[in-house]
């Protein structure tokens, strides 16, 4: 979430008038994240999130994302619900951008991640994987191995500006993962971006999940790998095994992992680390001046990648005997 597109009062009021949500009282930009323009909209009937879709989001994918949230809400999964206008449409246009309103989800994301938070996010990932069953539309992961290669092509000439030798490290890892990537793992719809700022809590109780704009079809274990990278490293880049065990215990309490998923987890964690290294590298090298967002450090994910490269099998993540 961020703000790239400014919305005038007149444009906002005309947009809101197409919905049955009352009159605008305030609309404030939300400065977190990197993908879309987001506002907290307050009317005399309640709070909503207004999103204008920017950057990597393909407008053709928006019906999938909004439809998935509608489906998950019918399964009592705690996520924002798209607001439909008086004509029944959840997707409209504002300031030349595709735009949508969703319900406001209460809670706070954890600034200091504790093991209980990790157990909660493991559990909610498994619940989403099960709740999404029966949602028929599919979406290919646009940031799969082919997407990683494309990002590398776009950044390799300047990667060494960030760290000497970075381009070679990325190229070597890309080749290794292409050769060894696991196939035929249990799969379905995954969130693919379950970072702490997308998971809300009331104290230690998880209250909901937001930001489904990377959701796609993928392996369930890859979702776990993303969560391990996002939740289980400390500020000094050390890996917290207790958090990892809690995360996986939370997941397996809802959905069991099969042996192939356990065996593949280290490779998937390497791939996940490389994916976020590349997207952060691209964002840093292509940062838009004036955007109300700060690009994140890609080298954080190089350190995570190096941990996974040297990990001693599944045992490093609290699974099996190593």
Protein backbone atom coordinates (compact mmCIF):
# COMPACT_ATOMS: atom_id res chain seq x y z
CA UNK A 1 0.00 0.00 0.00
CA UNK A 2 1.11 3.53 -0.80
CA UNK A 3 -0.05 6.68 -2.55
CA UNK A 4 0.96 7.29 -6.15
CA UNK A 5 -2.26 8.91 -7.45
CA UNK A 6 -3.87 11.94 -5.80
CA UNK A 7 -7.68 12.03 -5.77
CA UNK A 8 -9.46 15.39 -5.74
CA UNK A 9 -12.46 16.00 -3.48
CA UNK A 10 -14.76 16.34 -6.51
CA UNK A 11 -13.57 13.08 -8.08
CA UNK A 12 -13.90 11.25 -4.77
CA UNK A 13 -17.42 12.46 -4.08
CA UNK A 14 -18.59 11.48 -7.58
CA UNK A 15 -17.05 8.03 -7.14
CA UNK A 16 -18.57 7.41 -3.70
CA UNK A 17 -21.99 8.56 -4.93
CA UNK A 18 -22.22 5.39 -7.04
CA UNK A 19 -22.23 3.32 -3.82
CA UNK A 20 -24.75 3.10 -1.03
CA UNK A 21 -22.23 3.86 1.74
CA UNK A 22 -23.19 7.35 2.85
CA UNK A 23 -21.41 10.69 2.52
CA UNK A 24 -17.65 11.24 2.66
CA UNK A 25 -16.30 12.58 5.92
CA UNK A 26 -12.56 12.11 5.33
CA UNK A 27 -10.10 10.33 3.06
CA UNK A 28 -6.48 9.87 4.12
CA UNK A 29 -3.61 8.28 2.21
CA UNK A 30 -2.01 5.12 3.61
CA UNK A 31 1.78 5.22 3.30
CA UNK A 32 2.75 1.56 3.76
CA UNK A 33 3.67 -0.93 1.04
CA UNK A 34 4.73 -0.47 -2.56
CA UNK A 35 2.09 -1.60 -5.04
CA UNK A 36 -1.11 0.50 -5.16
CA UNK A 37 -2.57 3.83 -4.03
CA UNK A 38 -4.60 3.25 -0.87
CA UNK A 39 -6.81 5.52 1.19
CA UNK A 40 -8.72 5.14 4.43
CA UNK A 41 -12.17 6.44 3.53
CA UNK A 42 -14.57 7.47 6.29
CA UNK A 43 -18.24 8.09 5.61
CA UNK A 44 -21.11 8.75 7.95
CA UNK A 45 -21.85 5.01 7.82
CA UNK A 46 -18.43 3.53 8.47
CA UNK A 47 -14.82 3.04 7.36
CA UNK A 48 -13.63 1.61 4.04
CA UNK A 49 -10.42 1.12 2.09
CA UNK A 50 -10.24 2.76 -1.33
CA UNK A 51 -7.63 1.24 -3.66
CA UNK A 52 -6.44 2.59 -7.00
CA UNK A 53 -4.47 -0.10 -8.83
CA UNK A 54 -1.01 0.82 -10.07
CA UNK A 55 2.31 -0.64 -11.19
CA UNK A 56 2.49 -4.43 -11.47
CA UNK A 57 -1.23 -5.13 -11.09
CA UNK A 58 -2.70 -6.19 -14.43
CA UNK A 59 -6.29 -4.90 -14.71
CA UNK A 60 -7.27 -8.27 -16.22
CA UNK A 61 -6.38 -9.90 -12.89
CA UNK A 62 -8.60 -7.68 -10.76
CA UNK A 63 -11.80 -9.76 -11.15
CA UNK A 64 -9.80 -12.73 -9.83
CA UNK A 65 -8.56 -10.87 -6.76
CA UNK A 66 -11.93 -9.33 -5.90
CA UNK A 67 -13.79 -12.55 -6.64
CA UNK A 68 -11.41 -14.48 -4.38
CA UNK A 69 -12.07 -12.09 -1.50
CA UNK A 70 -15.81 -12.44 -2.07
CA UNK A 71 -15.45 -16.24 -2.04
CA UNK A 72 -13.29 -16.30 1.09
CA UNK A 73 -15.77 -14.07 2.91
CA UNK A 74 -18.52 -16.62 2.19
CA UNK A 75 -16.29 -19.21 3.90
CA UNK A 76 -16.00 -17.02 7.01
CA UNK A 77 -12.35 -16.34 6.28
CA UNK A 78 -11.33 -13.03 7.92
CA UNK A 79 -10.53 -10.74 5.01
CA UNK A 80 -11.82 -7.48 3.53
CA UNK A 81 -15.03 -7.82 1.52
CA UNK A 82 -15.35 -5.95 -1.78
CA UNK A 83 -18.09 -3.33 -1.74
CA UNK A 84 -20.39 -3.52 -4.76
CA UNK A 85 -21.93 -0.38 -6.22
CA UNK A 86 -25.61 0.12 -6.90
CA UNK A 87 -25.20 -1.72 -10.21
CA UNK A 88 -23.56 -4.69 -8.51
CA UNK A 89 -20.04 -3.91 -9.70
CA UNK A 90 -17.03 -4.26 -7.39
CA UNK A 91 -14.56 -2.76 -9.87
CA UNK A 92 -14.82 0.81 -11.16
CA UNK A 93 -12.48 3.54 -12.39
CA UNK A 94 -11.16 6.61 -10.58
CA UNK A 95 -8.59 9.15 -11.83
CA UNK A 96 -7.91 6.98 -14.85
CA UNK A 97 -7.08 3.97 -12.66
CA UNK A 98 -9.06 0.81 -11.92
CA UNK A 99 -10.44 1.27 -8.41
CA UNK A 100 -12.36 -0.63 -5.75
CA UNK A 101 -13.72 -0.21 -2.26
CA UNK A 102 -13.41 -2.90 0.39
CA UNK A 103 -14.62 -3.19 3.95
CA UNK A 104 -12.31 -1.96 6.70
CA UNK A 105 -10.58 -4.69 8.70
CA UNK A 106 -9.78 -3.81 12.31
CA UNK A 107 -6.59 -4.74 14.08
CA UNK A 108 -2.89 -3.90 13.90
CA UNK A 109 -0.04 -5.67 12.21
CA UNK A 110 2.73 -6.74 14.58
CA UNK A 111 5.72 -4.41 14.63
CA UNK A 112 7.59 -6.91 16.84
CA UNK A 113 6.88 -10.46 15.73
CA UNK A 114 6.53 -13.01 18.52
CA UNK A 115 6.30 -16.82 18.26
CA UNK A 116 2.54 -16.67 18.90
CA UNK A 117 2.16 -14.39 15.87
CA UNK A 118 3.99 -16.99 13.80
CA UNK A 119 1.69 -19.76 14.97
CA UNK A 120 -1.28 -17.61 14.04
CA UNK A 121 -0.02 -16.84 10.55
CA UNK A 122 0.77 -20.51 9.94
CA UNK A 123 -2.76 -21.41 10.89
CA UNK A 124 -4.36 -18.67 8.79
CA UNK A 125 -2.32 -19.71 5.74
CA UNK A 126 -3.64 -23.25 6.04
CA UNK A 127 -7.18 -21.99 6.58
CA UNK A 128 -6.97 -19.89 3.44
CA UNK A 129 -5.69 -22.83 1.40
CA UNK A 130 -8.71 -24.86 2.47
CA UNK A 131 -11.21 -21.99 2.24
CA UNK A 132 -10.18 -21.22 -1.35
CA UNK A 133 -11.18 -24.70 -2.49
CA UNK A 134 -14.18 -24.39 -4.77
CA UNK A 135 -13.12 -21.02 -6.18
CA UNK A 136 -12.94 -21.93 -9.85
CA UNK A 137 -11.01 -19.03 -11.49
CA UNK A 138 -7.26 -19.55 -11.72
CA UNK A 139 -4.32 -17.17 -11.98
CA UNK A 140 -0.75 -17.97 -12.94
CA UNK A 141 1.91 -16.65 -10.61
CA UNK A 142 3.40 -13.68 -12.47
CA UNK A 143 6.46 -13.81 -10.21
CA UNK A 144 7.43 -17.43 -10.82
CA UNK A 145 10.86 -18.51 -12.08
CA UNK A 146 10.22 -16.94 -15.48
CA UNK A 147 9.27 -13.72 -13.70
CA UNK A 148 12.46 -13.85 -11.64
CA UNK A 149 14.52 -14.18 -14.81
CA UNK A 150 12.74 -11.20 -16.35
CA UNK A 151 13.42 -9.09 -13.27
CA UNK A 152 17.06 -10.10 -13.36
CA UNK A 153 17.29 -9.13 -17.02
CA UNK A 154 15.91 -5.70 -16.11
CA UNK A 155 18.28 -5.17 -13.17
CA UNK A 156 21.53 -7.06 -13.85
CA UNK A 157 23.33 -4.14 -15.48
CA UNK A 158 22.92 -2.04 -12.32
CA UNK A 159 22.77 -4.72 -9.60
CA UNK A 160 26.42 -4.21 -8.66
CA UNK A 161 25.59 -0.61 -7.75
CA UNK A 162 23.88 -2.09 -4.69
CA UNK A 163 26.62 -4.59 -3.84
CA UNK A 164 29.72 -5.63 -5.73
CA UNK A 165 29.18 -9.10 -7.19
CA UNK A 166 25.42 -9.11 -6.62
CA UNK A 167 24.60 -9.81 -10.27
CA UNK A 168 26.76 -12.94 -10.27
CA UNK A 169 25.22 -14.20 -7.03
CA UNK A 170 21.72 -13.79 -8.44
CA UNK A 171 22.59 -15.40 -11.77
CA UNK A 172 24.14 -18.42 -10.04
CA UNK A 173 21.11 -18.91 -7.81
CA UNK A 174 18.70 -18.56 -10.72
CA UNK A 175 20.51 -21.34 -12.57
CA UNK A 176 20.53 -23.60 -9.51
CA UNK A 177 16.82 -23.16 -8.84
CA UNK A 178 15.92 -23.68 -12.48
CA UNK A 179 17.78 -27.00 -12.39
CA UNK A 180 16.44 -28.22 -9.04
CA UNK A 181 12.97 -26.67 -8.57
CA UNK A 182 10.47 -29.21 -7.18
CA UNK A 183 7.37 -30.08 -9.21
CA UNK A 184 4.00 -31.72 -8.57
CA UNK A 185 3.62 -30.53 -4.99
CA UNK A 186 0.13 -30.14 -3.49
CA UNK A 187 -1.22 -26.85 -4.76
CA UNK A 188 -4.16 -24.50 -4.97
CA UNK A 189 -4.70 -20.80 -4.42
CA UNK A 190 -2.13 -19.11 -2.22
CA UNK A 191 -1.87 -15.56 -0.89
CA UNK A 192 1.81 -15.27 -1.91
CA UNK A 193 2.41 -12.10 0.15
CA UNK A 194 1.69 -13.00 3.78
CA UNK A 195 4.05 -10.46 5.30
CA UNK A 196 3.47 -9.05 8.79
CA UNK A 197 1.97 -5.82 7.41
CA UNK A 198 -0.72 -7.90 5.66
CA UNK A 199 -1.83 -9.78 8.79
CA UNK A 200 -3.75 -8.01 11.54
CA UNK A 201 -3.99 -8.94 15.20
CA UNK A 202 -5.88 -7.84 18.28
CA UNK A 203 -3.04 -8.30 20.76
CA UNK A 204 -2.01 -11.95 20.11
CA UNK A 205 -5.26 -12.98 18.39
CA UNK A 206 -5.20 -12.88 14.60
CA UNK A 207 -8.07 -10.73 13.30
CA UNK A 208 -7.64 -10.90 9.54
CA UNK A 209 -5.63 -10.89 6.33
CA UNK A 210 -5.43 -8.11 3.73
CA UNK A 211 -3.80 -7.40 0.34
CA UNK A 212 -4.64 -10.32 -1.95
CA UNK A 213 -3.11 -8.71 -5.04
CA UNK A 214 -0.40 -11.34 -5.49
CA UNK A 215 -2.78 -14.29 -4.91
CA UNK A 216 -2.35 -17.00 -7.49
CA UNK A 217 -2.27 -20.73 -8.04
CA UNK A 218 0.85 -22.24 -6.50
CA UNK A 219 2.19 -24.87 -4.18
CA UNK A 220 1.04 -24.66 -0.59
CA UNK A 221 4.58 -25.28 0.68
CA UNK A 222 5.81 -22.24 -1.27
CA UNK A 223 3.40 -20.16 0.82
CA UNK A 224 5.04 -21.57 3.95
CA UNK A 225 8.46 -20.70 2.52
CA UNK A 226 7.38 -17.09 1.97
CA UNK A 227 6.14 -16.95 5.56
CA UNK A 228 9.40 -18.37 6.92
CA UNK A 229 11.29 -15.56 5.21
CA UNK A 230 8.82 -12.88 6.23
CA UNK A 231 8.25 -13.87 9.86
CA UNK A 232 11.16 -15.91 11.20
CA UNK A 233 14.25 -13.72 10.81
CA UNK A 234 15.39 -11.19 13.39
CA UNK A 235 16.56 -7.63 12.71
CA UNK A 236 20.18 -8.84 12.69
CA UNK A 237 19.25 -11.37 9.95
CA UNK A 238 19.56 -14.36 12.29
CA UNK A 239 17.00 -17.12 11.79
CA UNK A 240 14.69 -17.81 14.74
CA UNK A 241 14.03 -21.54 14.88
CA UNK A 242 11.39 -21.17 17.60
CA UNK A 243 9.35 -18.87 15.36
CA UNK A 244 9.75 -21.31 12.47
CA UNK A 245 8.56 -24.25 14.55
CA UNK A 246 5.57 -22.25 15.75
CA UNK A 247 4.68 -21.20 12.22
CA UNK A 248 4.82 -24.75 10.88
CA UNK A 249 2.97 -26.14 13.90
CA UNK A 250 0.23 -23.58 13.32
CA UNK A 251 -0.03 -24.66 9.71
CA UNK A 252 0.04 -28.43 10.29
CA UNK A 253 -2.59 -28.17 13.01
CA UNK A 254 -4.98 -27.26 10.16
CA UNK A 255 -3.46 -29.03 7.15
CA UNK A 256 -0.84 -31.79 7.26
CA UNK A 257 2.28 -31.59 5.10
CA UNK A 258 3.21 -34.58 2.98
CA UNK A 259 6.83 -35.85 2.76
CA UNK A 260 7.45 -34.21 -0.63
CA UNK A 261 6.49 -30.80 0.78
CA UNK A 262 8.82 -31.24 3.74
CA UNK A 263 11.71 -32.33 1.51
CA UNK A 264 11.17 -29.33 -0.82
CA UNK A 265 10.90 -26.64 1.83
CA UNK A 266 14.55 -25.56 1.80
CA UNK A 267 14.56 -25.09 -1.98
CA UNK A 268 11.26 -23.24 -1.83
CA UNK A 269 12.66 -20.95 0.86
CA UNK A 270 15.63 -20.19 -1.39
CA UNK A 271 13.27 -19.38 -4.25
CA UNK A 272 11.11 -17.18 -2.06
CA UNK A 273 14.15 -15.26 -0.81
CA UNK A 274 15.37 -14.73 -4.36
CA UNK A 275 11.93 -13.56 -5.51
CA UNK A 276 11.80 -10.79 -2.89
CA UNK A 277 15.45 -9.90 -3.41
CA UNK A 278 14.69 -9.31 -7.10
CA UNK A 279 11.49 -7.32 -6.63
CA UNK A 280 13.12 -5.14 -3.99
CA UNK A 281 16.14 -4.65 -6.24
CA UNK A 282 13.90 -3.60 -9.12
CA UNK A 283 11.91 -1.22 -6.91
CA UNK A 284 15.06 0.35 -5.48
CA UNK A 285 16.61 0.90 -8.90
CA UNK A 286 13.34 2.29 -10.30
CA UNK A 287 12.15 4.32 -7.31
CA UNK A 288 9.73 7.11 -8.21
CA UNK A 289 10.67 10.41 -6.62
CA UNK A 290 7.78 11.95 -4.73
CA UNK A 291 5.98 8.68 -4.05
CA UNK A 292 4.80 8.38 -0.45
CA UNK A 293 6.73 5.15 0.07
CA UNK A 294 10.30 4.15 0.82
CA UNK A 295 11.87 1.29 -1.19
CA UNK A 296 12.94 -1.68 0.93
CA UNK A 297 16.46 -3.06 1.18
CA UNK A 298 17.06 -5.96 -1.23
CA UNK A 299 20.18 -7.05 0.67
CA UNK A 300 17.99 -8.14 3.58
CA UNK A 301 16.82 -10.94 1.32
CA UNK A 302 20.32 -11.75 0.11
CA UNK A 303 21.19 -12.55 3.75
CA UNK A 304 18.08 -14.72 4.04
CA UNK A 305 18.96 -16.50 0.81
CA UNK A 306 22.44 -17.23 2.12
CA UNK A 307 20.96 -18.75 5.29
CA UNK A 308 18.80 -21.12 3.24
CA UNK A 309 21.69 -22.02 0.96
CA UNK A 310 23.61 -23.22 4.01
CA UNK A 311 20.72 -24.71 6.01
CA UNK A 312 20.89 -28.34 7.07
CA UNK A 313 17.74 -29.62 5.41
CA UNK A 314 14.22 -29.70 6.90
CA UNK A 315 15.60 -29.88 10.42
CA UNK A 316 16.68 -26.25 10.16
CA UNK A 317 12.98 -25.35 10.00
CA UNK A 318 11.86 -27.65 12.81
CA UNK A 319 10.83 -30.52 10.54
CA UNK A 320 12.04 -34.11 10.51
CA UNK A 321 15.51 -35.02 11.62
CA UNK A 322 17.47 -32.69 9.29
